[in-house]
Amino acid sequence: GRSVHTILEAGVGFVPEDRTIEGL
């Protein structure tokens, strides 16, 4: 239920499956 920003700040690193759309 938390936002993406909050999850990133909580210490999660994410390499998405589609780098061109979601990663860069």
PDBML (XML) file of the C-alpha atoms, coordinates in Angstrom:
<?xml version="1.0" encoding="UTF-8" ?>
<PDBx:datablock datablockName="MODEL"
   xmlns:PDBx="http://pdbml.pdb.org/schema/pdbx-v50.xsd"
   xmlns:xsi="http://www.w3.org/2001/XMLSchema-instance"
   xsi:schemaLocation="http://pdbml.pdb.org/schema/pdbx-v50.xsd pdbx-v50.xsd">
   <PDBx:atom_siteCategory>
      <PDBx:atom_site id="1">
         <PDBx:B_iso_or_equiv>0.00</PDBx:B_iso_or_equiv>
         <PDBx:Cartn_x>0.000</PDBx:Cartn_x>
         <PDBx:Cartn_y>0.000</PDBx:Cartn_y>
         <PDBx:Cartn_z>0.000</PDBx:Cartn_z>
         <PDBx:auth_asym_id>A</PDBx:auth_asym_id>
         <PDBx:auth_atom_id>CA</PDBx:auth_atom_id>
         <PDBx:auth_comp_id>GLY</PDBx:auth_comp_id>
         <PDBx:auth_seq_id>1</PDBx:auth_seq_id>
         <PDBx:group_PDB>ATOM</PDBx:group_PDB>
         <PDBx:label_alt_id xsi:nil="true" />
         <PDBx:label_asym_id>A</PDBx:label_asym_id>
         <PDBx:label_atom_id>CA</PDBx:label_atom_id>
         <PDBx:label_comp_id>GLY</PDBx:label_comp_id>
         <PDBx:label_entity_id>1</PDBx:label_entity_id>
         <PDBx:label_seq_id>1</PDBx:label_seq_id>
         <PDBx:occupancy>1.00</PDBx:occupancy>
         <PDBx:pdbx_PDB_model_num>1</PDBx:pdbx_PDB_model_num>
         <PDBx:type_symbol>C</PDBx:type_symbol>
      </PDBx:atom_site>
      <PDBx:atom_site id="2">
         <PDBx:B_iso_or_equiv>0.00</PDBx:B_iso_or_equiv>
         <PDBx:Cartn_x>3.003</PDBx:Cartn_x>
         <PDBx:Cartn_y>2.331</PDBx:Cartn_y>
         <PDBx:Cartn_z>0.100</PDBx:Cartn_z>
         <PDBx:auth_asym_id>A</PDBx:auth_asym_id>
         <PDBx:auth_atom_id>CA</PDBx:auth_atom_id>
         <PDBx:auth_comp_id>ARG</PDBx:auth_comp_id>
         <PDBx:auth_seq_id>2</PDBx:auth_seq_id>
         <PDBx:group_PDB>ATOM</PDBx:group_PDB>
         <PDBx:label_alt_id xsi:nil="true" />
         <PDBx:label_asym_id>A</PDBx:label_asym_id>
         <PDBx:label_atom_id>CA</PDBx:label_atom_id>
         <PDBx:label_comp_id>ARG</PDBx:label_comp_id>
         <PDBx:label_entity_id>1</PDBx:label_entity_id>
         <PDBx:label_seq_id>2</PDBx:label_seq_id>
         <PDBx:occupancy>1.00</PDBx:occupancy>
         <PDBx:pdbx_PDB_model_num>1</PDBx:pdbx_PDB_model_num>
         <PDBx:type_symbol>C</PDBx:type_symbol>
      </PDBx:atom_site>
      <PDBx:atom_site id="3">
         <PDBx:B_iso_or_equiv>0.00</PDBx:B_iso_or_equiv>
         <PDBx:Cartn_x>4.099</PDBx:Cartn_x>
         <PDBx:Cartn_y>4.484</PDBx:Cartn_y>
         <PDBx:Cartn_z>-2.830</PDBx:Cartn_z>
         <PDBx:auth_asym_id>A</PDBx:auth_asym_id>
         <PDBx:auth_atom_id>CA</PDBx:auth_atom_id>
         <PDBx:auth_comp_id>SER</PDBx:auth_comp_id>
         <PDBx:auth_seq_id>3</PDBx:auth_seq_id>
         <PDBx:group_PDB>ATOM</PDBx:group_PDB>
         <PDBx:label_alt_id xsi:nil="true" />
         <PDBx:label_asym_id>A</PDBx:label_asym_id>
         <PDBx:label_atom_id>CA</PDBx:label_atom_id>
         <PDBx:label_comp_id>SER</PDBx:label_comp_id>
         <PDBx:label_entity_id>1</PDBx:label_entity_id>
         <PDBx:label_seq_id>3</PDBx:label_seq_id>
         <PDBx:occupancy>1.00</PDBx:occupancy>
         <PDBx:pdbx_PDB_model_num>1</PDBx:pdbx_PDB_model_num>
         <PDBx:type_symbol>C</PDBx:type_symbol>
      </PDBx:atom_site>
      <PDBx:atom_site id="4">
         <PDBx:B_iso_or_equiv>0.00</PDBx:B_iso_or_equiv>
         <PDBx:Cartn_x>6.991</PDBx:Cartn_x>
         <PDBx:Cartn_y>3.539</PDBx:Cartn_y>
         <PDBx:Cartn_z>-5.086</PDBx:Cartn_z>
         <PDBx:auth_asym_id>A</PDBx:auth_asym_id>
         <PDBx:auth_atom_id>CA</PDBx:auth_atom_id>
         <PDBx:auth_comp_id>VAL</PDBx:auth_comp_id>
         <PDBx:auth_seq_id>4</PDBx:auth_seq_id>
         <PDBx:group_PDB>ATOM</PDBx:group_PDB>
         <PDBx:label_alt_id xsi:nil="true" />
         <PDBx:label_asym_id>A</PDBx:label_asym_id>
         <PDBx:label_atom_id>CA</PDBx:label_atom_id>
         <PDBx:label_comp_id>VAL</PDBx:label_comp_id>
         <PDBx:label_entity_id>1</PDBx:label_entity_id>
         <PDBx:label_seq_id>4</PDBx:label_seq_id>
         <PDBx:occupancy>1.00</PDBx:occupancy>
         <PDBx:pdbx_PDB_model_num>1</PDBx:pdbx_PDB_model_num>
         <PDBx:type_symbol>C</PDBx:type_symbol>
      </PDBx:atom_site>
      <PDBx:atom_site id="5">
         <PDBx:B_iso_or_equiv>0.00</PDBx:B_iso_or_equiv>
         <PDBx:Cartn_x>8.988</PDBx:Cartn_x>
         <PDBx:Cartn_y>6.444</PDBx:Cartn_y>
         <PDBx:Cartn_z>-3.652</PDBx:Cartn_z>
         <PDBx:auth_asym_id>A</PDBx:auth_asym_id>
         <PDBx:auth_atom_id>CA</PDBx:auth_atom_id>
         <PDBx:auth_comp_id>HIS</PDBx:auth_comp_id>
         <PDBx:auth_seq_id>5</PDBx:auth_seq_id>
         <PDBx:group_PDB>ATOM</PDBx:group_PDB>
         <PDBx:label_alt_id xsi:nil="true" />
         <PDBx:label_asym_id>A</PDBx:label_asym_id>
         <PDBx:label_atom_id>CA</PDBx:label_atom_id>
         <PDBx:label_comp_id>HIS</PDBx:label_comp_id>
         <PDBx:label_entity_id>1</PDBx:label_entity_id>
         <PDBx:label_seq_id>5</PDBx:label_seq_id>
         <PDBx:occupancy>1.00</PDBx:occupancy>
         <PDBx:pdbx_PDB_model_num>1</PDBx:pdbx_PDB_model_num>
         <PDBx:type_symbol>C</PDBx:type_symbol>
      </PDBx:atom_site>
      <PDBx:atom_site id="6">
         <PDBx:B_iso_or_equiv>0.00</PDBx:B_iso_or_equiv>
         <PDBx:Cartn_x>8.420</PDBx:Cartn_x>
         <PDBx:Cartn_y>5.231</PDBx:Cartn_y>
         <PDBx:Cartn_z>-0.087</PDBx:Cartn_z>
         <PDBx:auth_asym_id>A</PDBx:auth_asym_id>
         <PDBx:auth_atom_id>CA</PDBx:auth_atom_id>
         <PDBx:auth_comp_id>THR</PDBx:auth_comp_id>
         <PDBx:auth_seq_id>6</PDBx:auth_seq_id>
         <PDBx:group_PDB>ATOM</PDBx:group_PDB>
         <PDBx:label_alt_id xsi:nil="true" />
         <PDBx:label_asym_id>A</PDBx:label_asym_id>
         <PDBx:label_atom_id>CA</PDBx:label_atom_id>
         <PDBx:label_comp_id>THR</PDBx:label_comp_id>
         <PDBx:label_entity_id>1</PDBx:label_entity_id>
         <PDBx:label_seq_id>6</PDBx:label_seq_id>
         <PDBx:occupancy>1.00</PDBx:occupancy>
         <PDBx:pdbx_PDB_model_num>1</PDBx:pdbx_PDB_model_num>
         <PDBx:type_symbol>C</PDBx:type_symbol>
      </PDBx:atom_site>
      <PDBx:atom_site id="7">
         <PDBx:B_iso_or_equiv>0.00</PDBx:B_iso_or_equiv>
         <PDBx:Cartn_x>9.430</PDBx:Cartn_x>
         <PDBx:Cartn_y>1.687</PDBx:Cartn_y>
         <PDBx:Cartn_z>-1.030</PDBx:Cartn_z>
         <PDBx:auth_asym_id>A</PDBx:auth_asym_id>
         <PDBx:auth_atom_id>CA</PDBx:auth_atom_id>
         <PDBx:auth_comp_id>ILE</PDBx:auth_comp_id>
         <PDBx:auth_seq_id>7</PDBx:auth_seq_id>
         <PDBx:group_PDB>ATOM</PDBx:group_PDB>
         <PDBx:label_alt_id xsi:nil="true" />
         <PDBx:label_asym_id>A</PDBx:label_asym_id>
         <PDBx:label_atom_id>CA</PDBx:label_atom_id>
         <PDBx:label_comp_id>ILE</PDBx:label_comp_id>
         <PDBx:label_entity_id>1</PDBx:label_entity_id>
         <PDBx:label_seq_id>7</PDBx:label_seq_id>
         <PDBx:occupancy>1.00</PDBx:occupancy>
         <PDBx:pdbx_PDB_model_num>1</PDBx:pdbx_PDB_model_num>
         <PDBx:type_symbol>C</PDBx:type_symbol>
      </PDBx:atom_site>
      <PDBx:atom_site id="8">
         <PDBx:B_iso_or_equiv>0.00</PDBx:B_iso_or_equiv>
         <PDBx:Cartn_x>12.636</PDBx:Cartn_x>
         <PDBx:Cartn_y>2.927</PDBx:Cartn_y>
         <PDBx:Cartn_z>-2.654</PDBx:Cartn_z>
         <PDBx:auth_asym_id>A</PDBx:auth_asym_id>
         <PDBx:auth_atom_id>CA</PDBx:auth_atom_id>
         <PDBx:auth_comp_id>LEU</PDBx:auth_comp_id>
         <PDBx:auth_seq_id>8</PDBx:auth_seq_id>
         <PDBx:group_PDB>ATOM</PDBx:group_PDB>
         <PDBx:label_alt_id xsi:nil="true" />
         <PDBx:label_asym_id>A</PDBx:label_asym_id>
         <PDBx:label_atom_id>CA</PDBx:label_atom_id>
         <PDBx:label_comp_id>LEU</PDBx:label_comp_id>
         <PDBx:label_entity_id>1</PDBx:label_entity_id>
         <PDBx:label_seq_id>8</PDBx:label_seq_id>
         <PDBx:occupancy>1.00</PDBx:occupancy>
         <PDBx:pdbx_PDB_model_num>1</PDBx:pdbx_PDB_model_num>
         <PDBx:type_symbol>C</PDBx:type_symbol>
      </PDBx:atom_site>
      <PDBx:atom_site id="9">
         <PDBx:B_iso_or_equiv>0.00</PDBx:B_iso_or_equiv>
         <PDBx:Cartn_x>13.401</PDBx:Cartn_x>
         <PDBx:Cartn_y>5.021</PDBx:Cartn_y>
         <PDBx:Cartn_z>0.444</PDBx:Cartn_z>
         <PDBx:auth_asym_id>A</PDBx:auth_asym_id>
         <PDBx:auth_atom_id>CA</PDBx:auth_atom_id>
         <PDBx:auth_comp_id>GLU</PDBx:auth_comp_id>
         <PDBx:auth_seq_id>9</PDBx:auth_seq_id>
         <PDBx:group_PDB>ATOM</PDBx:group_PDB>
         <PDBx:label_alt_id xsi:nil="true" />
         <PDBx:label_asym_id>A</PDBx:label_asym_id>
         <PDBx:label_atom_id>CA</PDBx:label_atom_id>
         <PDBx:label_comp_id>GLU</PDBx:label_comp_id>
         <PDBx:label_entity_id>1</PDBx:label_entity_id>
         <PDBx:label_seq_id>9</PDBx:label_seq_id>
         <PDBx:occupancy>1.00</PDBx:occupancy>
         <PDBx:pdbx_PDB_model_num>1</PDBx:pdbx_PDB_model_num>
         <PDBx:type_symbol>C</PDBx:type_symbol>
      </PDBx:atom_site>
      <PDBx:atom_site id="10">
         <PDBx:B_iso_or_equiv>0.00</PDBx:B_iso_or_equiv>
         <PDBx:Cartn_x>12.810</PDBx:Cartn_x>
         <PDBx:Cartn_y>1.946</PDBx:Cartn_y>
         <PDBx:Cartn_z>2.619</PDBx:Cartn_z>
         <PDBx:auth_asym_id>A</PDBx:auth_asym_id>
         <PDBx:auth_atom_id>CA</PDBx:auth_atom_id>
         <PDBx:auth_comp_id>ALA</PDBx:auth_comp_id>
         <PDBx:auth_seq_id>10</PDBx:auth_seq_id>
         <PDBx:group_PDB>ATOM</PDBx:group_PDB>
         <PDBx:label_alt_id xsi:nil="true" />
         <PDBx:label_asym_id>A</PDBx:label_asym_id>
         <PDBx:label_atom_id>CA</PDBx:label_atom_id>
         <PDBx:label_comp_id>ALA</PDBx:label_comp_id>
         <PDBx:label_entity_id>1</PDBx:label_entity_id>
         <PDBx:label_seq_id>10</PDBx:label_seq_id>
         <PDBx:occupancy>1.00</PDBx:occupancy>
         <PDBx:pdbx_PDB_model_num>1</PDBx:pdbx_PDB_model_num>
         <PDBx:type_symbol>C</PDBx:type_symbol>
      </PDBx:atom_site>
      <PDBx:atom_site id="11">
         <PDBx:B_iso_or_equiv>0.00</PDBx:B_iso_or_equiv>
         <PDBx:Cartn_x>15.842</PDBx:Cartn_x>
         <PDBx:Cartn_y>0.350</PDBx:Cartn_y>
         <PDBx:Cartn_z>0.978</PDBx:Cartn_z>
         <PDBx:auth_asym_id>A</PDBx:auth_asym_id>
         <PDBx:auth_atom_id>CA</PDBx:auth_atom_id>
         <PDBx:auth_comp_id>GLY</PDBx:auth_comp_id>
         <PDBx:auth_seq_id>11</PDBx:auth_seq_id>
         <PDBx:group_PDB>ATOM</PDBx:group_PDB>
         <PDBx:label_alt_id xsi:nil="true" />
         <PDBx:label_asym_id>A</PDBx:label_asym_id>
         <PDBx:label_atom_id>CA</PDBx:label_atom_id>
         <PDBx:label_comp_id>GLY</PDBx:label_comp_id>
         <PDBx:label_entity_id>1</PDBx:label_entity_id>
         <PDBx:label_seq_id>11</PDBx:label_seq_id>
         <PDBx:occupancy>1.00</PDBx:occupancy>
         <PDBx:pdbx_PDB_model_num>1</PDBx:pdbx_PDB_model_num>
         <PDBx:type_symbol>C</PDBx:type_symbol>
      </PDBx:atom_site>
      <PDBx:atom_site id="12">
         <PDBx:B_iso_or_equiv>0.00</PDBx:B_iso_or_equiv>
         <PDBx:Cartn_x>14.614</PDBx:Cartn_x>
         <PDBx:Cartn_y>-1.510</PDBx:Cartn_y>
         <PDBx:Cartn_z>-2.093</PDBx:Cartn_z>
         <PDBx:auth_asym_id>A</PDBx:auth_asym_id>
         <PDBx:auth_atom_id>CA</PDBx:auth_atom_id>
         <PDBx:auth_comp_id>VAL</PDBx:auth_comp_id>
         <PDBx:auth_seq_id>12</PDBx:auth_seq_id>
         <PDBx:group_PDB>ATOM</PDBx:group_PDB>
         <PDBx:label_alt_id xsi:nil="true" />
         <PDBx:label_asym_id>A</PDBx:label_asym_id>
         <PDBx:label_atom_id>CA</PDBx:label_atom_id>
         <PDBx:label_comp_id>VAL</PDBx:label_comp_id>
         <PDBx:label_entity_id>1</PDBx:label_entity_id>
         <PDBx:label_seq_id>12</PDBx:label_seq_id>
         <PDBx:occupancy>1.00</PDBx:occupancy>
         <PDBx:pdbx_PDB_model_num>1</PDBx:pdbx_PDB_model_num>
         <PDBx:type_symbol>C</PDBx:type_symbol>
      </PDBx:atom_site>
      <PDBx:atom_site id="13">
         <PDBx:B_iso_or_equiv>0.00</PDBx:B_iso_or_equiv>
         <PDBx:Cartn_x>16.588</PDBx:Cartn_x>
         <PDBx:Cartn_y>-1.500</PDBx:Cartn_y>
         <PDBx:Cartn_z>-5.331</PDBx:Cartn_z>
         <PDBx:auth_asym_id>A</PDBx:auth_asym_id>
         <PDBx:auth_atom_id>CA</PDBx:auth_atom_id>
         <PDBx:auth_comp_id>GLY</PDBx:auth_comp_id>
         <PDBx:auth_seq_id>13</PDBx:auth_seq_id>
         <PDBx:group_PDB>ATOM</PDBx:group_PDB>
         <PDBx:label_alt_id xsi:nil="true" />
         <PDBx:label_asym_id>A</PDBx:label_asym_id>
         <PDBx:label_atom_id>CA</PDBx:label_atom_id>
         <PDBx:label_comp_id>GLY</PDBx:label_comp_id>
         <PDBx:label_entity_id>1</PDBx:label_entity_id>
         <PDBx:label_seq_id>13</PDBx:label_seq_id>
         <PDBx:occupancy>1.00</PDBx:occupancy>
         <PDBx:pdbx_PDB_model_num>1</PDBx:pdbx_PDB_model_num>
         <PDBx:type_symbol>C</PDBx:type_symbol>
      </PDBx:atom_site>
      <PDBx:atom_site id="14">
         <PDBx:B_iso_or_equiv>0.00</PDBx:B_iso_or_equiv>
         <PDBx:Cartn_x>14.710</PDBx:Cartn_x>
         <PDBx:Cartn_y>-2.448</PDBx:Cartn_y>
         <PDBx:Cartn_z>-8.485</PDBx:Cartn_z>
         <PDBx:auth_asym_id>A</PDBx:auth_asym_id>
         <PDBx:auth_atom_id>CA</PDBx:auth_atom_id>
         <PDBx:auth_comp_id>PHE</PDBx:auth_comp_id>
         <PDBx:auth_seq_id>14</PDBx:auth_seq_id>
         <PDBx:group_PDB>ATOM</PDBx:group_PDB>
         <PDBx:label_alt_id xsi:nil="true" />
         <PDBx:label_asym_id>A</PDBx:label_asym_id>
         <PDBx:label_atom_id>CA</PDBx:label_atom_id>
         <PDBx:label_comp_id>PHE</PDBx:label_comp_id>
         <PDBx:label_entity_id>1</PDBx:label_entity_id>
         <PDBx:label_seq_id>14</PDBx:label_seq_id>
         <PDBx:occupancy>1.00</PDBx:occupancy>
         <PDBx:pdbx_PDB_model_num>1</PDBx:pdbx_PDB_model_num>
         <PDBx:type_symbol>C</PDBx:type_symbol>
      </PDBx:atom_site>
      <PDBx:atom_site id="15">
         <PDBx:B_iso_or_equiv>0.00</PDBx:B_iso_or_equiv>
         <PDBx:Cartn_x>15.968</PDBx:Cartn_x>
         <PDBx:Cartn_y>-3.589</PDBx:Cartn_y>
         <PDBx:Cartn_z>-11.886</PDBx:Cartn_z>
         <PDBx:auth_asym_id>A</PDBx:auth_asym_id>
         <PDBx:auth_atom_id>CA</PDBx:auth_atom_id>
         <PDBx:auth_comp_id>VAL</PDBx:auth_comp_id>
         <PDBx:auth_seq_id>15</PDBx:auth_seq_id>
         <PDBx:group_PDB>ATOM</PDBx:group_PDB>
         <PDBx:label_alt_id xsi:nil="true" />
         <PDBx:label_asym_id>A</PDBx:label_asym_id>
         <PDBx:label_atom_id>CA</PDBx:label_atom_id>
         <PDBx:label_comp_id>VAL</PDBx:label_comp_id>
         <PDBx:label_entity_id>1</PDBx:label_entity_id>
         <PDBx:label_seq_id>15</PDBx:label_seq_id>
         <PDBx:occupancy>1.00</PDBx:occupancy>
         <PDBx:pdbx_PDB_model_num>1</PDBx:pdbx_PDB_model_num>
         <PDBx:type_symbol>C</PDBx:type_symbol>
      </PDBx:atom_site>
      <PDBx:atom_site id="16">
         <PDBx:B_iso_or_equiv>0.00</PDBx:B_iso_or_equiv>
         <PDBx:Cartn_x>12.759</PDBx:Cartn_x>
         <PDBx:Cartn_y>-3.768</PDBx:Cartn_y>
         <PDBx:Cartn_z>-13.989</PDBx:Cartn_z>
         <PDBx:auth_asym_id>A</PDBx:auth_asym_id>
         <PDBx:auth_atom_id>CA</PDBx:auth_atom_id>
         <PDBx:auth_comp_id>PRO</PDBx:auth_comp_id>
         <PDBx:auth_seq_id>16</PDBx:auth_seq_id>
         <PDBx:group_PDB>ATOM</PDBx:group_PDB>
         <PDBx:label_alt_id xsi:nil="true" />
         <PDBx:label_asym_id>A</PDBx:label_asym_id>
         <PDBx:label_atom_id>CA</PDBx:label_atom_id>
         <PDBx:label_comp_id>PRO</PDBx:label_comp_id>
         <PDBx:label_entity_id>1</PDBx:label_entity_id>
         <PDBx:label_seq_id>16</PDBx:label_seq_id>
         <PDBx:occupancy>1.00</PDBx:occupancy>
         <PDBx:pdbx_PDB_model_num>1</PDBx:pdbx_PDB_model_num>
         <PDBx:type_symbol>C</PDBx:type_symbol>
      </PDBx:atom_site>
      <PDBx:atom_site id="17">
         <PDBx:B_iso_or_equiv>0.00</PDBx:B_iso_or_equiv>
         <PDBx:Cartn_x>12.226</PDBx:Cartn_x>
         <PDBx:Cartn_y>-6.339</PDBx:Cartn_y>
         <PDBx:Cartn_z>-16.720</PDBx:Cartn_z>
         <PDBx:auth_asym_id>A</PDBx:auth_asym_id>
         <PDBx:auth_atom_id>CA</PDBx:auth_atom_id>
         <PDBx:auth_comp_id>GLU</PDBx:auth_comp_id>
         <PDBx:auth_seq_id>17</PDBx:auth_seq_id>
         <PDBx:group_PDB>ATOM</PDBx:group_PDB>
         <PDBx:label_alt_id xsi:nil="true" />
         <PDBx:label_asym_id>A</PDBx:label_asym_id>
         <PDBx:label_atom_id>CA</PDBx:label_atom_id>
         <PDBx:label_comp_id>GLU</PDBx:label_comp_id>
         <PDBx:label_entity_id>1</PDBx:label_entity_id>
         <PDBx:label_seq_id>17</PDBx:label_seq_id>
         <PDBx:occupancy>1.00</PDBx:occupancy>
         <PDBx:pdbx_PDB_model_num>1</PDBx:pdbx_PDB_model_num>
         <PDBx:type_symbol>C</PDBx:type_symbol>
      </PDBx:atom_site>
      <PDBx:atom_site id="18">
         <PDBx:B_iso_or_equiv>0.00</PDBx:B_iso_or_equiv>
         <PDBx:Cartn_x>11.897</PDBx:Cartn_x>
         <PDBx:Cartn_y>-3.673</PDBx:Cartn_y>
         <PDBx:Cartn_z>-19.434</PDBx:Cartn_z>
         <PDBx:auth_asym_id>A</PDBx:auth_asym_id>
         <PDBx:auth_atom_id>CA</PDBx:auth_atom_id>
         <PDBx:auth_comp_id>ASP</PDBx:auth_comp_id>
         <PDBx:auth_seq_id>18</PDBx:auth_seq_id>
         <PDBx:group_PDB>ATOM</PDBx:group_PDB>
         <PDBx:label_alt_id xsi:nil="true" />
         <PDBx:label_asym_id>A</PDBx:label_asym_id>
         <PDBx:label_atom_id>CA</PDBx:label_atom_id>
         <PDBx:label_comp_id>ASP</PDBx:label_comp_id>
         <PDBx:label_entity_id>1</PDBx:label_entity_id>
         <PDBx:label_seq_id>18</PDBx:label_seq_id>
         <PDBx:occupancy>1.00</PDBx:occupancy>
         <PDBx:pdbx_PDB_model_num>1</PDBx:pdbx_PDB_model_num>
         <PDBx:type_symbol>C</PDBx:type_symbol>
      </PDBx:atom_site>
      <PDBx:atom_site id="19">
         <PDBx:B_iso_or_equiv>0.00</PDBx:B_iso_or_equiv>
         <PDBx:Cartn_x>14.784</PDBx:Cartn_x>
         <PDBx:Cartn_y>-1.261</PDBx:Cartn_y>
         <PDBx:Cartn_z>-19.100</PDBx:Cartn_z>
         <PDBx:auth_asym_id>A</PDBx:auth_asym_id>
         <PDBx:auth_atom_id>CA</PDBx:auth_atom_id>
         <PDBx:auth_comp_id>ARG</PDBx:auth_comp_id>
         <PDBx:auth_seq_id>19</PDBx:auth_seq_id>
         <PDBx:group_PDB>ATOM</PDBx:group_PDB>
         <PDBx:label_alt_id xsi:nil="true" />
         <PDBx:label_asym_id>A</PDBx:label_asym_id>
         <PDBx:label_atom_id>CA</PDBx:label_atom_id>
         <PDBx:label_comp_id>ARG</PDBx:label_comp_id>
         <PDBx:label_entity_id>1</PDBx:label_entity_id>
         <PDBx:label_seq_id>19</PDBx:label_seq_id>
         <PDBx:occupancy>1.00</PDBx:occupancy>
         <PDBx:pdbx_PDB_model_num>1</PDBx:pdbx_PDB_model_num>
         <PDBx:type_symbol>C</PDBx:type_symbol>
      </PDBx:atom_site>
      <PDBx:atom_site id="20">
         <PDBx:B_iso_or_equiv>0.00</PDBx:B_iso_or_equiv>
         <PDBx:Cartn_x>13.757</PDBx:Cartn_x>
         <PDBx:Cartn_y>0.974</PDBx:Cartn_y>
         <PDBx:Cartn_z>-22.000</PDBx:Cartn_z>
         <PDBx:auth_asym_id>A</PDBx:auth_asym_id>
         <PDBx:auth_atom_id>CA</PDBx:auth_atom_id>
         <PDBx:auth_comp_id>THR</PDBx:auth_comp_id>
         <PDBx:auth_seq_id>20</PDBx:auth_seq_id>
         <PDBx:group_PDB>ATOM</PDBx:group_PDB>
         <PDBx:label_alt_id xsi:nil="true" />
         <PDBx:label_asym_id>A</PDBx:label_asym_id>
         <PDBx:label_atom_id>CA</PDBx:label_atom_id>
         <PDBx:label_comp_id>THR</PDBx:label_comp_id>
         <PDBx:label_entity_id>1</PDBx:label_entity_id>
         <PDBx:label_seq_id>20</PDBx:label_seq_id>
         <PDBx:occupancy>1.00</PDBx:occupancy>
         <PDBx:pdbx_PDB_model_num>1</PDBx:pdbx_PDB_model_num>
         <PDBx:type_symbol>C</PDBx:type_symbol>
      </PDBx:atom_site>
      <PDBx:atom_site id="21">
         <PDBx:B_iso_or_equiv>0.00</PDBx:B_iso_or_equiv>
         <PDBx:Cartn_x>10.265</PDBx:Cartn_x>
         <PDBx:Cartn_y>1.701</PDBx:Cartn_y>
         <PDBx:Cartn_z>-20.648</PDBx:Cartn_z>
         <PDBx:auth_asym_id>A</PDBx:auth_asym_id>
         <PDBx:auth_atom_id>CA</PDBx:auth_atom_id>
         <PDBx:auth_comp_id>ILE</PDBx:auth_comp_id>
         <PDBx:auth_seq_id>21</PDBx:auth_seq_id>
         <PDBx:group_PDB>ATOM</PDBx:group_PDB>
         <PDBx:label_alt_id xsi:nil="true" />
         <PDBx:label_asym_id>A</PDBx:label_asym_id>
         <PDBx:label_atom_id>CA</PDBx:label_atom_id>
         <PDBx:label_comp_id>ILE</PDBx:label_comp_id>
         <PDBx:label_entity_id>1</PDBx:label_entity_id>
         <PDBx:label_seq_id>21</PDBx:label_seq_id>
         <PDBx:occupancy>1.00</PDBx:occupancy>
         <PDBx:pdbx_PDB_model_num>1</PDBx:pdbx_PDB_model_num>
         <PDBx:type_symbol>C</PDBx:type_symbol>
      </PDBx:atom_site>
      <PDBx:atom_site id="22">
         <PDBx:B_iso_or_equiv>0.00</PDBx:B_iso_or_equiv>
         <PDBx:Cartn_x>10.642</PDBx:Cartn_x>
         <PDBx:Cartn_y>1.318</PDBx:Cartn_y>
         <PDBx:Cartn_z>-16.877</PDBx:Cartn_z>
         <PDBx:auth_asym_id>A</PDBx:auth_asym_id>
         <PDBx:auth_atom_id>CA</PDBx:auth_atom_id>
         <PDBx:auth_comp_id>GLU</PDBx:auth_comp_id>
         <PDBx:auth_seq_id>22</PDBx:auth_seq_id>
         <PDBx:group_PDB>ATOM</PDBx:group_PDB>
         <PDBx:label_alt_id xsi:nil="true" />
         <PDBx:label_asym_id>A</PDBx:label_asym_id>
         <PDBx:label_atom_id>CA</PDBx:label_atom_id>
         <PDBx:label_comp_id>GLU</PDBx:label_comp_id>
         <PDBx:label_entity_id>1</PDBx:label_entity_id>
         <PDBx:label_seq_id>22</PDBx:label_seq_id>
         <PDBx:occupancy>1.00</PDBx:occupancy>
         <PDBx:pdbx_PDB_model_num>1</PDBx:pdbx_PDB_model_num>
         <PDBx:type_symbol>C</PDBx:type_symbol>
      </PDBx:atom_site>
      <PDBx:atom_site id="23">
         <PDBx:B_iso_or_equiv>0.00</PDBx:B_iso_or_equiv>
         <PDBx:Cartn_x>14.367</PDBx:Cartn_x>
         <PDBx:Cartn_y>1.561</PDBx:Cartn_y>
         <PDBx:Cartn_z>-16.179</PDBx:Cartn_z>
         <PDBx:auth_asym_id>A</PDBx:auth_asym_id>
         <PDBx:auth_atom_id>CA</PDBx:auth_atom_id>
         <PDBx:auth_comp_id>GLY</PDBx:auth_comp_id>
         <PDBx:auth_seq_id>23</PDBx:auth_seq_id>
         <PDBx:group_PDB>ATOM</PDBx:group_PDB>
         <PDBx:label_alt_id xsi:nil="true" />
         <PDBx:label_asym_id>A</PDBx:label_asym_id>
         <PDBx:label_atom_id>CA</PDBx:label_atom_id>
         <PDBx:label_comp_id>GLY</PDBx:label_comp_id>
         <PDBx:label_entity_id>1</PDBx:label_entity_id>
         <PDBx:label_seq_id>23</PDBx:label_seq_id>
         <PDBx:occupancy>1.00</PDBx:occupancy>
         <PDBx:pdbx_PDB_model_num>1</PDBx:pdbx_PDB_model_num>
         <PDBx:type_symbol>C</PDBx:type_symbol>
      </PDBx:atom_site>
      <PDBx:atom_site id="24">
         <PDBx:B_iso_or_equiv>0.00</PDBx:B_iso_or_equiv>
         <PDBx:Cartn_x>15.719</PDBx:Cartn_x>
         <PDBx:Cartn_y>4.483</PDBx:Cartn_y>
         <PDBx:Cartn_z>-18.155</PDBx:Cartn_z>
         <PDBx:auth_asym_id>A</PDBx:auth_asym_id>
         <PDBx:auth_atom_id>CA</PDBx:auth_atom_id>
         <PDBx:auth_comp_id>LEU</PDBx:auth_comp_id>
         <PDBx:auth_seq_id>24</PDBx:auth_seq_id>
         <PDBx:group_PDB>ATOM</PDBx:group_PDB>
         <PDBx:label_alt_id xsi:nil="true" />
         <PDBx:label_asym_id>A</PDBx:label_asym_id>
         <PDBx:label_atom_id>CA</PDBx:label_atom_id>
         <PDBx:label_comp_id>LEU</PDBx:label_comp_id>
         <PDBx:label_entity_id>1</PDBx:label_entity_id>
         <PDBx:label_seq_id>24</PDBx:label_seq_id>
         <PDBx:occupancy>1.00</PDBx:occupancy>
         <PDBx:pdbx_PDB_model_num>1</PDBx:pdbx_PDB_model_num>
         <PDBx:type_symbol>C</PDBx:type_symbol>
      </PDBx:atom_site>
   </PDBx:atom_siteCategory>
</PDBx:datablock>
